[in-house]
Amino acid sequence: AAAMRGSENNDPISPQGFLSNNSGGILAGISNGEPLILRVAVKPIPSIHKEQQTVDIHNKARSIKVGGRHDISAIPRIVPVCEAMVRLTLADHLLRQLPLEQVREAIHRTAAQ
């Protein structure tokens, strides 16, 4: 969104609702009722086959070269972890808005389905 023009990010509204979802479901930090679209950036995996400078436990300069990809298993987990964190955050904010009795009723309704 930061690289978009306002005209590209804005979502025209008609009597039937929004005509697009360019803003990803969020307007001014508030959900507009459209599906949320998230773009996630993840830092590169640190174990690479290139020699890198470091220090040992005695603070002596050393170099290290990792043989193998020991953290490659993180890649398939990124999407479900991001989805879970978004759901947890949304649920947390929802619970902040509801009285305890309404939360209990919602839990019972969900459990009954």
PDB file of N, CA and C in Angstrom:
ATOM      1  N   ALA A   1       0.822  -1.186   0.000  1.00  0.00           N
ATOM      2  CA  ALA A   1       0.000   0.000   0.000  1.00  0.00           C
ATOM      3  C   ALA A   1       0.868   1.253   0.000  1.00  0.00           C
ATOM      4  N   ALA A   2       2.043   1.177   0.604  1.00  0.00           N
ATOM      5  CA  ALA A   2       2.894   2.360   0.681  1.00  0.00           C
ATOM      6  C   ALA A   2       3.354   2.823  -0.693  1.00  0.00           C
ATOM      7  N   ALA A   3       3.454   1.906  -1.638  1.00  0.00           N
ATOM      8  CA  ALA A   3       3.905   2.267  -2.982  1.00  0.00           C
ATOM      9  C   ALA A   3       2.749   2.641  -3.903  1.00  0.00           C
ATOM     10  N   MET A   4       1.525   2.534  -3.424  1.00  0.00           N
ATOM     11  CA  MET A   4       0.356   2.822  -4.258  1.00  0.00           C
ATOM     12  C   MET A   4      -0.040   4.287  -4.169  1.00  0.00           C
ATOM     13  N   ARG A   5      -0.689   4.763  -5.220  1.00  0.00           N
ATOM     14  CA  ARG A   5      -1.312   6.084  -5.175  1.00  0.00           C
ATOM     15  C   ARG A   5      -2.644   5.935  -4.441  1.00  0.00           C
ATOM     16  N   GLY A   6      -3.141   7.044  -3.919  1.00  0.00           N
ATOM     17  CA  GLY A   6      -4.432   7.002  -3.240  1.00  0.00           C
ATOM     18  C   GLY A   6      -5.531   6.455  -4.127  1.00  0.00           C
ATOM     19  N   SER A   7      -5.500   6.839  -5.407  1.00  0.00           N
ATOM     20  CA  SER A   7      -6.527   6.365  -6.338  1.00  0.00           C
ATOM     21  C   SER A   7      -6.447   4.861  -6.560  1.00  0.00           C
ATOM     22  N   GLU A   8      -5.274   4.276  -6.355  1.00  0.00           N
ATOM     23  CA  GLU A   8      -5.108   2.832  -6.515  1.00  0.00           C
ATOM     24  C   GLU A   8      -5.514   2.080  -5.251  1.00  0.00           C
ATOM     25  N   ASN A   9      -5.347   2.710  -4.106  1.00  0.00           N
ATOM     26  CA  ASN A   9      -5.627   2.061  -2.826  1.00  0.00           C
ATOM     27  C   ASN A   9      -7.085   2.213  -2.408  1.00  0.00           C
ATOM     28  N   ASN A  10      -7.718   3.310  -2.835  1.00  0.00           N
ATOM     29  CA  ASN A  10      -9.100   3.561  -2.421  1.00  0.00           C
ATOM     30  C   ASN A  10     -10.056   2.536  -3.017  1.00  0.00           C
ATOM     31  N   ASP A  11     -11.121   2.261  -2.277  1.00  0.00           N
ATOM     32  CA  ASP A  11     -12.153   1.330  -2.721  1.00  0.00           C
ATOM     33  C   ASP A  11     -13.462   2.090  -2.919  1.00  0.00           C
ATOM     34  N   PRO A  12     -13.906   2.230  -4.182  1.00  0.00           N
ATOM     35  CA  PRO A  12     -15.174   2.926  -4.428  1.00  0.00           C
ATOM     36  C   PRO A  12     -16.332   2.188  -3.750  1.00  0.00           C
ATOM     37  N   ILE A  13     -17.311   2.956  -3.295  1.00  0.00           N
ATOM     38  CA  ILE A  13     -18.466   2.382  -2.613  1.00  0.00           C
ATOM     39  C   ILE A  13     -19.714   2.641  -3.455  1.00  0.00           C
ATOM     40  N   SER A  14     -20.555   1.631  -3.563  1.00  0.00           N
ATOM     41  CA  SER A  14     -21.847   1.758  -4.236  1.00  0.00           C
ATOM     42  C   SER A  14     -22.929   1.421  -3.214  1.00  0.00           C
ATOM     43  N   PRO A  15     -24.196   1.603  -3.569  1.00  0.00           N
ATOM     44  CA  PRO A  15     -25.258   1.207  -2.633  1.00  0.00           C
ATOM     45  C   PRO A  15     -25.202  -0.279  -2.268  1.00  0.00           C
ATOM     46  N   GLN A  16     -24.593  -1.100  -3.127  1.00  0.00           N
ATOM     47  CA  GLN A  16     -24.478  -2.528  -2.846  1.00  0.00           C
ATOM     48  C   GLN A  16     -23.239  -2.870  -2.010  1.00  0.00           C
ATOM     49  N   GLY A  17     -22.365  -1.919  -1.784  1.00  0.00           N
ATOM     50  CA  GLY A  17     -21.152  -2.158  -1.002  1.00  0.00           C
ATOM     51  C   GLY A  17     -19.908  -1.734  -1.756  1.00  0.00           C
ATOM     52  N   PHE A  18     -18.754  -2.176  -1.289  1.00  0.00           N
ATOM     53  CA  PHE A  18     -17.486  -1.823  -1.926  1.00  0.00           C
ATOM     54  C   PHE A  18     -17.375  -2.486  -3.293  1.00  0.00           C
ATOM     55  N   LEU A  19     -16.818  -1.758  -4.257  1.00  0.00           N
ATOM     56  CA  LEU A  19     -16.655  -2.276  -5.615  1.00  0.00           C
ATOM     57  C   LEU A  19     -15.310  -2.955  -5.811  1.00  0.00           C
ATOM     58  N   SER A  20     -14.407  -2.794  -4.851  1.00  0.00           N
ATOM     59  CA  SER A  20     -13.094  -3.442  -4.912  1.00  0.00           C
ATOM     60  C   SER A  20     -12.608  -3.649  -3.487  1.00  0.00           C
ATOM     61  N   ASN A  21     -11.468  -4.290  -3.362  1.00  0.00           N
ATOM     62  CA  ASN A  21     -10.853  -4.483  -2.047  1.00  0.00           C
ATOM     63  C   ASN A  21      -9.370  -4.160  -2.148  1.00  0.00           C
ATOM     64  N   ASN A  22      -9.052  -3.032  -2.763  1.00  0.00           N
ATOM     65  CA  ASN A  22      -7.655  -2.636  -2.941  1.00  0.00           C
ATOM     66  C   ASN A  22      -6.962  -2.346  -1.619  1.00  0.00           C
ATOM     67  N   SER A  23      -7.720  -1.927  -0.620  1.00  0.00           N
ATOM     68  CA  SER A  23      -7.124  -1.579   0.673  1.00  0.00           C
ATOM     69  C   SER A  23      -6.879  -2.795   1.552  1.00  0.00           C
ATOM     70  N   GLY A  24      -7.239  -3.972   1.074  1.00  0.00           N
ATOM     71  CA  GLY A  24      -6.988  -5.188   1.849  1.00  0.00           C
ATOM     72  C   GLY A  24      -7.926  -5.379   3.019  1.00  0.00           C
ATOM     73  N   GLY A  25      -9.087  -4.723   3.001  1.00  0.00           N
ATOM     74  CA  GLY A  25     -10.074  -4.911   4.057  1.00  0.00           C
ATOM     75  C   GLY A  25      -9.909  -3.990   5.251  1.00  0.00           C
ATOM     76  N   ILE A  26      -8.932  -3.096   5.210  1.00  0.00           N
ATOM     77  CA  ILE A  26      -8.670  -2.194   6.335  1.00  0.00           C
ATOM     78  C   ILE A  26      -8.694  -0.749   5.838  1.00  0.00           C
ATOM     79  N   LEU A  27      -9.494   0.082   6.479  1.00  0.00           N
ATOM     80  CA  LEU A  27      -9.521   1.514   6.193  1.00  0.00           C
ATOM     81  C   LEU A  27      -9.277   2.257   7.496  1.00  0.00           C
ATOM     82  N   ALA A  28      -8.249   3.059   7.537  1.00  0.00           N
ATOM     83  CA  ALA A  28      -7.901   3.840   8.728  1.00  0.00           C
ATOM     84  C   ALA A  28      -7.750   2.953   9.961  1.00  0.00           C
ATOM     85  N   GLY A  29      -7.223   1.743   9.764  1.00  0.00           N
ATOM     86  CA  GLY A  29      -6.993   0.837  10.875  1.00  0.00           C
ATOM     87  C   GLY A  29      -8.219   0.079  11.339  1.00  0.00           C
ATOM     88  N   ILE A  30      -9.318   0.201  10.601  1.00  0.00           N
ATOM     89  CA  ILE A  30     -10.568  -0.456  10.980  1.00  0.00           C
ATOM     90  C   ILE A  30     -11.021  -1.342   9.832  1.00  0.00           C
ATOM     91  N   SER A  31     -11.531  -2.528  10.146  1.00  0.00           N
ATOM     92  CA  SER A  31     -12.040  -3.427   9.112  1.00  0.00           C
ATOM     93  C   SER A  31     -13.220  -2.782   8.407  1.00  0.00           C
ATOM     94  N   ASN A  32     -13.243  -2.917   7.082  1.00  0.00           N
ATOM     95  CA  ASN A  32     -14.381  -2.393   6.324  1.00  0.00           C
ATOM     96  C   ASN A  32     -15.364  -3.502   5.959  1.00  0.00           C
ATOM     97  N   GLY A  33     -15.184  -4.689   6.521  1.00  0.00           N
ATOM     98  CA  GLY A  33     -16.084  -5.798   6.263  1.00  0.00           C
ATOM     99  C   GLY A  33     -15.673  -6.661   5.091  1.00  0.00           C
ATOM    100  N   GLU A  34     -14.708  -6.230   4.319  1.00  0.00           N
ATOM    101  CA  GLU A  34     -14.196  -7.016   3.201  1.00  0.00           C
ATOM    102  C   GLU A  34     -13.199  -8.041   3.742  1.00  0.00           C
ATOM    103  N   PRO A  35     -12.898  -9.084   2.967  1.00  0.00           N
ATOM    104  CA  PRO A  35     -11.871 -10.034   3.421  1.00  0.00           C
ATOM    105  C   PRO A  35     -10.539  -9.327   3.672  1.00  0.00           C
ATOM    106  N   LEU A  36      -9.861  -9.716   4.739  1.00  0.00           N
ATOM    107  CA  LEU A  36      -8.550  -9.140   5.038  1.00  0.00           C
ATOM    108  C   LEU A  36      -7.516  -9.762   4.115  1.00  0.00           C
ATOM    109  N   ILE A  37      -6.695  -8.916   3.526  1.00  0.00           N
ATOM    110  CA  ILE A  37      -5.597  -9.372   2.674  1.00  0.00           C
ATOM    111  C   ILE A  37      -4.312  -8.881   3.316  1.00  0.00           C
ATOM    112  N   LEU A  38      -3.436  -9.805   3.656  1.00  0.00           N
ATOM    113  CA  LEU A  38      -2.188  -9.459   4.321  1.00  0.00           C
ATOM    114  C   LEU A  38      -1.009  -9.743   3.408  1.00  0.00           C
ATOM    115  N   ARG A  39      -0.039  -8.882   3.470  1.00  0.00           N
ATOM    116  CA  ARG A  39       1.224  -9.110   2.781  1.00  0.00           C
ATOM    117  C   ARG A  39       2.284  -9.215   3.867  1.00  0.00           C
ATOM    118  N   VAL A  40       2.984 -10.314   3.874  1.00  0.00           N
ATOM    119  CA  VAL A  40       3.923 -10.602   4.953  1.00  0.00           C
ATOM    120  C   VAL A  40       5.335 -10.672   4.398  1.00  0.00           C
ATOM    121  N   ALA A  41       6.259 -10.084   5.106  1.00  0.00           N
ATOM    122  CA  ALA A  41       7.679 -10.201   4.763  1.00  0.00           C
ATOM    123  C   ALA A  41       8.360 -10.977   5.885  1.00  0.00           C
ATOM    124  N   VAL A  42       9.210 -11.896   5.516  1.00  0.00           N
ATOM    125  CA  VAL A  42       9.916 -12.732   6.484  1.00  0.00           C
ATOM    126  C   VAL A  42      11.407 -12.578   6.241  1.00  0.00           C
ATOM    127  N   LYS A  43      12.169 -12.455   7.305  1.00  0.00           N
ATOM    128  CA  LYS A  43      13.615 -12.306   7.142  1.00  0.00           C
ATOM    129  C   LYS A  43      14.212 -13.565   6.522  1.00  0.00           C
ATOM    130  N   PRO A  44      15.297 -13.428   5.799  1.00  0.00           N
ATOM    131  CA  PRO A  44      15.925 -14.607   5.196  1.00  0.00           C
ATOM    132  C   PRO A  44      16.406 -15.593   6.260  1.00  0.00           C
ATOM    133  N   ILE A  45      16.432 -16.856   5.886  1.00  0.00           N
ATOM    134  CA  ILE A  45      16.943 -17.892   6.782  1.00  0.00           C
ATOM    135  C   ILE A  45      18.446 -17.675   6.948  1.00  0.00           C
ATOM    136  N   PRO A  46      18.960 -17.655   8.196  1.00  0.00           N
ATOM    137  CA  PRO A  46      20.345 -17.265   8.437  1.00  0.00           C
ATOM    138  C   PRO A  46      21.409 -18.297   8.080  1.00  0.00           C
ATOM    139  N   SER A  47      21.076 -19.571   8.016  1.00  0.00           N
ATOM    140  CA  SER A  47      22.128 -20.557   7.728  1.00  0.00           C
ATOM    141  C   SER A  47      22.369 -20.620   6.221  1.00  0.00           C
ATOM    142  N   ILE A  48      23.480 -20.019   5.814  1.00  0.00           N
ATOM    143  CA  ILE A  48      23.835 -19.978   4.398  1.00  0.00           C
ATOM    144  C   ILE A  48      25.199 -20.627   4.211  1.00  0.00           C
ATOM    145  N   HIS A  49      25.501 -20.993   2.987  1.00  0.00           N
ATOM    146  CA  HIS A  49      26.762 -21.685   2.694  1.00  0.00           C
ATOM    147  C   HIS A  49      27.932 -20.720   2.487  1.00  0.00           C
ATOM    148  N   LYS A  50      27.757 -19.462   2.831  1.00  0.00           N
ATOM    149  CA  LYS A  50      28.804 -18.458   2.662  1.00  0.00           C
ATOM    150  C   LYS A  50      29.507 -18.231   4.005  1.00  0.00           C
ATOM    151  N   GLU A  51      30.818 -18.113   3.964  1.00  0.00           N
ATOM    152  CA  GLU A  51      31.578 -17.866   5.193  1.00  0.00           C
ATOM    153  C   GLU A  51      31.215 -16.491   5.750  1.00  0.00           C
ATOM    154  N   GLN A  52      31.004 -16.453   7.086  1.00  0.00           N
ATOM    155  CA  GLN A  52      30.617 -15.214   7.754  1.00  0.00           C
ATOM    156  C   GLN A  52      31.511 -14.976   8.964  1.00  0.00           C
ATOM    157  N   GLN A  53      31.673 -13.721   9.314  1.00  0.00           N
ATOM    158  CA  GLN A  53      32.491 -13.354  10.465  1.00  0.00           C
ATOM    159  C   GLN A  53      31.649 -13.387  11.736  1.00  0.00           C
ATOM    160  N   THR A  54      32.287 -13.848  12.838  1.00  0.00           N
ATOM    161  CA  THR A  54      31.614 -13.915  14.131  1.00  0.00           C
ATOM    162  C   THR A  54      32.673 -13.846  15.226  1.00  0.00           C
ATOM    163  N   VAL A  55      32.286 -14.068  16.459  1.00  0.00           N
ATOM    164  CA  VAL A  55      33.232 -14.164  17.577  1.00  0.00           C
ATOM    165  C   VAL A  55      32.896 -15.419  18.370  1.00  0.00           C
ATOM    166  N   ASP A  56      33.907 -15.975  19.042  1.00  0.00           N
ATOM    167  CA  ASP A  56      33.670 -17.161  19.859  1.00  0.00           C
ATOM    168  C   ASP A  56      33.338 -16.746  21.289  1.00  0.00           C
ATOM    169  N   ILE A  57      33.237 -17.716  22.202  1.00  0.00           N
ATOM    170  CA  ILE A  57      32.854 -17.407  23.582  1.00  0.00           C
ATOM    171  C   ILE A  57      33.922 -16.622  24.336  1.00  0.00           C
ATOM    172  N   HIS A  58      35.130 -16.533  23.768  1.00  0.00           N
ATOM    173  CA  HIS A  58      36.213 -15.756  24.376  1.00  0.00           C
ATOM    174  C   HIS A  58      36.378 -14.406  23.688  1.00  0.00           C
ATOM    175  N   ASN A  59      35.402 -14.021  22.880  1.00  0.00           N
ATOM    176  CA  ASN A  59      35.389 -12.756  22.150  1.00  0.00           C
ATOM    177  C   ASN A  59      36.518 -12.654  21.124  1.00  0.00           C
ATOM    178  N   LYS A  60      36.942 -13.767  20.595  1.00  0.00           N
ATOM    179  CA  LYS A  60      37.973 -13.814  19.551  1.00  0.00           C
ATOM    180  C   LYS A  60      37.289 -13.855  18.189  1.00  0.00           C
ATOM    181  N   ALA A  61      37.824 -13.105  17.251  1.00  0.00           N
ATOM    182  CA  ALA A  61      37.272 -13.090  15.895  1.00  0.00           C
ATOM    183  C   ALA A  61      37.423 -14.466  15.254  1.00  0.00           C
ATOM    184  N   ARG A  62      36.373 -14.943  14.673  1.00  0.00           N
ATOM    185  CA  ARG A  62      36.354 -16.240  13.995  1.00  0.00           C
ATOM    186  C   ARG A  62      35.495 -16.115  12.743  1.00  0.00           C
ATOM    187  N   SER A  63      35.575 -17.136  11.924  1.00  0.00           N
ATOM    188  CA  SER A  63      34.656 -17.218  10.787  1.00  0.00           C
ATOM    189  C   SER A  63      33.902 -18.536  10.900  1.00  0.00           C
ATOM    190  N   ILE A  64      32.723 -18.541  10.332  1.00  0.00           N
ATOM    191  CA  ILE A  64      31.880 -19.732  10.387  1.00  0.00           C
ATOM    192  C   ILE A  64      31.262 -19.947   9.015  1.00  0.00           C
ATOM    193  N   LYS A  65      31.167 -21.200   8.635  1.00  0.00           N
ATOM    194  CA  LYS A  65      30.485 -21.566   7.397  1.00  0.00           C
ATOM    195  C   LYS A  65      29.586 -22.748   7.733  1.00  0.00           C
ATOM    196  N   VAL A  66      28.295 -22.554   7.564  1.00  0.00           N
ATOM    197  CA  VAL A  66      27.321 -23.583   7.906  1.00  0.00           C
ATOM    198  C   VAL A  66      27.265 -24.602   6.780  1.00  0.00           C
ATOM    199  N   GLY A  67      27.385 -25.852   7.133  1.00  0.00           N
ATOM    200  CA  GLY A  67      27.272 -26.931   6.156  1.00  0.00           C
ATOM    201  C   GLY A  67      25.896 -27.554   6.229  1.00  0.00           C
ATOM    202  N   GLY A  68      25.044 -27.239   5.295  1.00  0.00           N
ATOM    203  CA  GLY A  68      23.684 -27.784   5.297  1.00  0.00           C
ATOM    204  C   GLY A  68      22.671 -26.737   5.681  1.00  0.00           C
ATOM    205  N   ARG A  69      21.426 -27.033   5.397  1.00  0.00           N
ATOM    206  CA  ARG A  69      20.327 -26.122   5.728  1.00  0.00           C
ATOM    207  C   ARG A  69      19.535 -26.737   6.869  1.00  0.00           C
ATOM    208  N   HIS A  70      19.835 -26.328   8.082  1.00  0.00           N
ATOM    209  CA  HIS A  70      19.203 -26.919   9.256  1.00  0.00           C
ATOM    210  C   HIS A  70      17.865 -26.281   9.591  1.00  0.00           C
ATOM    211  N   ASP A  71      17.582 -25.122   9.020  1.00  0.00           N
ATOM    212  CA  ASP A  71      16.345 -24.423   9.355  1.00  0.00           C
ATOM    213  C   ASP A  71      15.413 -24.286   8.158  1.00  0.00           C
ATOM    214  N   ILE A  72      15.604 -25.109   7.146  1.00  0.00           N
ATOM    215  CA  ILE A  72      14.753 -25.057   5.961  1.00  0.00           C
ATOM    216  C   ILE A  72      13.309 -25.410   6.299  1.00  0.00           C
ATOM    217  N   SER A  73      13.098 -26.147   7.390  1.00  0.00           N
ATOM    218  CA  SER A  73      11.740 -26.550   7.760  1.00  0.00           C
ATOM    219  C   SER A  73      10.879 -25.367   8.185  1.00  0.00           C
ATOM    220  N   ALA A  74      11.463 -24.195   8.378  1.00  0.00           N
ATOM    221  CA  ALA A  74      10.678 -23.015   8.747  1.00  0.00           C
ATOM    222  C   ALA A  74       9.805 -22.543   7.591  1.00  0.00           C
ATOM    223  N   ILE A  75      10.228 -22.772   6.369  1.00  0.00           N
ATOM    224  CA  ILE A  75       9.522 -22.230   5.208  1.00  0.00           C
ATOM    225  C   ILE A  75       8.075 -22.715   5.118  1.00  0.00           C
ATOM    226  N   PRO A  76       7.784 -24.018   5.194  1.00  0.00           N
ATOM    227  CA  PRO A  76       6.380 -24.429   5.093  1.00  0.00           C
ATOM    228  C   PRO A  76       5.524 -23.985   6.274  1.00  0.00           C
ATOM    229  N   ARG A  77       6.142 -23.595   7.359  1.00  0.00           N
ATOM    230  CA  ARG A  77       5.390 -23.206   8.562  1.00  0.00           C
ATOM    231  C   ARG A  77       5.024 -21.727   8.582  1.00  0.00           C
ATOM    232  N   ILE A  78       5.586 -20.933   7.702  1.00  0.00           N
ATOM    233  CA  ILE A  78       5.376 -19.486   7.754  1.00  0.00           C
ATOM    234  C   ILE A  78       3.904 -19.125   7.593  1.00  0.00           C
ATOM    235  N   VAL A  79       3.231 -19.671   6.587  1.00  0.00           N
ATOM    236  CA  VAL A  79       1.831 -19.315   6.329  1.00  0.00           C
ATOM    237  C   VAL A  79       0.925 -19.697   7.498  1.00  0.00           C
ATOM    238  N   PRO A  80       0.943 -20.947   7.996  1.00  0.00           N
ATOM    239  CA  PRO A  80       0.039 -21.250   9.112  1.00  0.00           C
ATOM    240  C   PRO A  80       0.355 -20.462  10.380  1.00  0.00           C
ATOM    241  N   VAL A  81       1.609 -20.153  10.618  1.00  0.00           N
ATOM    242  CA  VAL A  81       1.955 -19.352  11.800  1.00  0.00           C
ATOM    243  C   VAL A  81       1.403 -17.941  11.649  1.00  0.00           C
ATOM    244  N   CYS A  82       1.561 -17.345  10.473  1.00  0.00           N
ATOM    245  CA  CYS A  82       1.019 -15.998  10.233  1.00  0.00           C
ATOM    246  C   CYS A  82      -0.501 -15.995  10.365  1.00  0.00           C
ATOM    247  N   GLU A  83      -1.163 -16.985   9.772  1.00  0.00           N
ATOM    248  CA  GLU A  83      -2.621 -17.066   9.874  1.00  0.00           C
ATOM    249  C   GLU A  83      -3.064 -17.203  11.324  1.00  0.00           C
ATOM    250  N   ALA A  84      -2.379 -18.032  12.085  1.00  0.00           N
ATOM    251  CA  ALA A  84      -2.735 -18.228  13.489  1.00  0.00           C
ATOM    252  C   ALA A  84      -2.553 -16.944  14.290  1.00  0.00           C
ATOM    253  N   MET A  85      -1.483 -16.219  14.033  1.00  0.00           N
ATOM    254  CA  MET A  85      -1.236 -14.983  14.777  1.00  0.00           C
ATOM    255  C   MET A  85      -2.272 -13.913  14.437  1.00  0.00           C
ATOM    256  N   VAL A  86      -2.677 -13.840  13.176  1.00  0.00           N
ATOM    257  CA  VAL A  86      -3.721 -12.880  12.795  1.00  0.00           C
ATOM    258  C   VAL A  86      -5.028 -13.241  13.488  1.00  0.00           C
ATOM    259  N   ARG A  87      -5.384 -14.522  13.472  1.00  0.00           N
ATOM    260  CA  ARG A  87      -6.623 -14.949  14.138  1.00  0.00           C
ATOM    261  C   ARG A  87      -6.579 -14.662  15.636  1.00  0.00           C
ATOM    262  N   LEU A  88      -5.447 -14.940  16.253  1.00  0.00           N
ATOM    263  CA  LEU A  88      -5.299 -14.687  17.685  1.00  0.00           C
ATOM    264  C   LEU A  88      -5.434 -13.195  17.991  1.00  0.00           C
ATOM    265  N   THR A  89      -4.801 -12.373  17.186  1.00  0.00           N
ATOM    266  CA  THR A  89      -4.860 -10.923  17.390  1.00  0.00           C
ATOM    267  C   THR A  89      -6.277 -10.398  17.193  1.00  0.00           C
ATOM    268  N   LEU A  90      -6.959 -10.861  16.142  1.00  0.00           N
ATOM    269  CA  LEU A  90      -8.341 -10.427  15.909  1.00  0.00           C
ATOM    270  C   LEU A  90      -9.252 -10.878  17.046  1.00  0.00           C
ATOM    271  N   ALA A  91      -9.087 -12.116  17.506  1.00  0.00           N
ATOM    272  CA  ALA A  91      -9.897 -12.610  18.621  1.00  0.00           C
ATOM    273  C   ALA A  91      -9.627 -11.800  19.886  1.00  0.00           C
ATOM    274  N   ASP A  92      -8.375 -11.449  20.118  1.00  0.00           N
ATOM    275  CA  ASP A  92      -8.013 -10.648  21.283  1.00  0.00           C
ATOM    276  C   ASP A  92      -8.720  -9.297  21.245  1.00  0.00           C
ATOM    277  N   HIS A  93      -8.702  -8.651  20.092  1.00  0.00           N
ATOM    278  CA  HIS A  93      -9.357  -7.344  19.980  1.00  0.00           C
ATOM    279  C   HIS A  93     -10.876  -7.471  20.086  1.00  0.00           C
ATOM    280  N   LEU A  94     -11.441  -8.538  19.550  1.00  0.00           N
ATOM    281  CA  LEU A  94     -12.876  -8.763  19.680  1.00  0.00           C
ATOM    282  C   LEU A  94     -13.255  -8.942  21.145  1.00  0.00           C
ATOM    283  N   LEU A  95     -12.484  -9.738  21.859  1.00  0.00           N
ATOM    284  CA  LEU A  95     -12.796  -9.995  23.269  1.00  0.00           C
ATOM    285  C   LEU A  95     -12.693  -8.738  24.116  1.00  0.00           C
ATOM    286  N   ARG A  96     -11.862  -7.809  23.717  1.00  0.00           N
ATOM    287  CA  ARG A  96     -11.749  -6.553  24.466  1.00  0.00           C
ATOM    288  C   ARG A  96     -13.033  -5.733  24.377  1.00  0.00           C
ATOM    289  N   GLN A  97     -13.827  -5.972  23.342  1.00  0.00           N
ATOM    290  CA  GLN A  97     -15.016  -5.166  23.108  1.00  0.00           C
ATOM    291  C   GLN A  97     -16.286  -5.754  23.719  1.00  0.00           C
ATOM    292  N   LEU A  98     -16.244  -7.011  24.090  1.00  0.00           N
ATOM    293  CA  LEU A  98     -17.456  -7.689  24.535  1.00  0.00           C
ATOM    294  C   LEU A  98     -17.487  -7.899  26.043  1.00  0.00           C
ATOM    295  N   PRO A  99     -18.659  -7.739  26.641  1.00  0.00           N
ATOM    296  CA  PRO A  99     -18.792  -8.122  28.046  1.00  0.00           C
ATOM    297  C   PRO A  99     -18.614  -9.633  28.186  1.00  0.00           C
ATOM    298  N   LEU A 100     -18.204 -10.090  29.330  1.00  0.00           N
ATOM    299  CA  LEU A 100     -17.901 -11.500  29.569  1.00  0.00           C
ATOM    300  C   LEU A 100     -19.076 -12.411  29.227  1.00  0.00           C
ATOM    301  N   GLU A 101     -20.280 -12.008  29.550  1.00  0.00           N
ATOM    302  CA  GLU A 101     -21.447 -12.860  29.282  1.00  0.00           C
ATOM    303  C   GLU A 101     -21.639 -13.070  27.784  1.00  0.00           C
ATOM    304  N   GLN A 102     -21.408 -12.055  26.976  1.00  0.00           N
ATOM    305  CA  GLN A 102     -21.523 -12.209  25.521  1.00  0.00           C
ATOM    306  C   GLN A 102     -20.444 -13.150  24.993  1.00  0.00           C
ATOM    307  N   VAL A 103     -19.267 -13.098  25.573  1.00  0.00           N
ATOM    308  CA  VAL A 103     -18.186 -14.002  25.164  1.00  0.00           C
ATOM    309  C   VAL A 103     -18.587 -15.438  25.467  1.00  0.00           C
ATOM    310  N   ARG A 104     -19.131 -15.674  26.663  1.00  0.00           N
ATOM    311  CA  ARG A 104     -19.568 -17.025  27.024  1.00  0.00           C
ATOM    312  C   ARG A 104     -20.648 -17.532  26.070  1.00  0.00           C
ATOM    313  N   GLU A 105     -21.607 -16.668  25.731  1.00  0.00           N
ATOM    314  CA  GLU A 105     -22.669 -17.061  24.800  1.00  0.00           C
ATOM    315  C   GLU A 105     -22.093 -17.405  23.428  1.00  0.00           C
ATOM    316  N   ALA A 106     -21.143 -16.625  22.960  1.00  0.00           N
ATOM    317  CA  ALA A 106     -20.523 -16.885  21.653  1.00  0.00           C
ATOM    318  C   ALA A 106     -19.775 -18.213  21.664  1.00  0.00           C
ATOM    319  N   ILE A 107     -19.100 -18.516  22.760  1.00  0.00           N
ATOM    320  CA  ILE A 107     -18.377 -19.791  22.874  1.00  0.00           C
ATOM    321  C   ILE A 107     -19.366 -20.949  22.840  1.00  0.00           C
ATOM    322  N   HIS A 108     -20.473 -20.825  23.567  1.00  0.00           N
ATOM    323  CA  HIS A 108     -21.476 -21.896  23.584  1.00  0.00           C
ATOM    324  C   HIS A 108     -22.110 -22.079  22.209  1.00  0.00           C
ATOM    325  N   ARG A 109     -22.401 -20.981  21.505  1.00  0.00           N
ATOM    326  CA  ARG A 109     -22.973 -21.079  20.156  1.00  0.00           C
ATOM    327  C   ARG A 109     -22.008 -21.769  19.208  1.00  0.00           C
ATOM    328  N   THR A 110     -20.727 -21.411  19.291  1.00  0.00           N
ATOM    329  CA  THR A 110     -19.716 -22.008  18.419  1.00  0.00           C
ATOM    330  C   THR A 110     -19.551 -23.488  18.727  1.00  0.00           C
ATOM    331  N   ALA A 111     -19.541 -23.836  19.999  1.00  0.00           N
ATOM    332  CA  ALA A 111     -19.378 -25.239  20.396  1.00  0.00           C
ATOM    333  C   ALA A 111     -20.568 -26.083  19.950  1.00  0.00           C
ATOM    334  N   ALA A 112     -21.747 -25.479  19.886  1.00  0.00           N
ATOM    335  CA  ALA A 112     -22.954 -26.213  19.503  1.00  0.00           C
ATOM    336  C   ALA A 112     -23.016 -26.483  18.000  1.00  0.00           C
ATOM    337  N   GLN A 113     -22.244 -25.757  17.218  1.00  0.00           N
ATOM    338  CA  GLN A 113     -22.294 -25.911  15.751  1.00  0.00           C
ATOM    339  C   GLN A 113     -21.554 -27.093  15.313  1.00  0.00           C
TER     340      GLN A 113
END
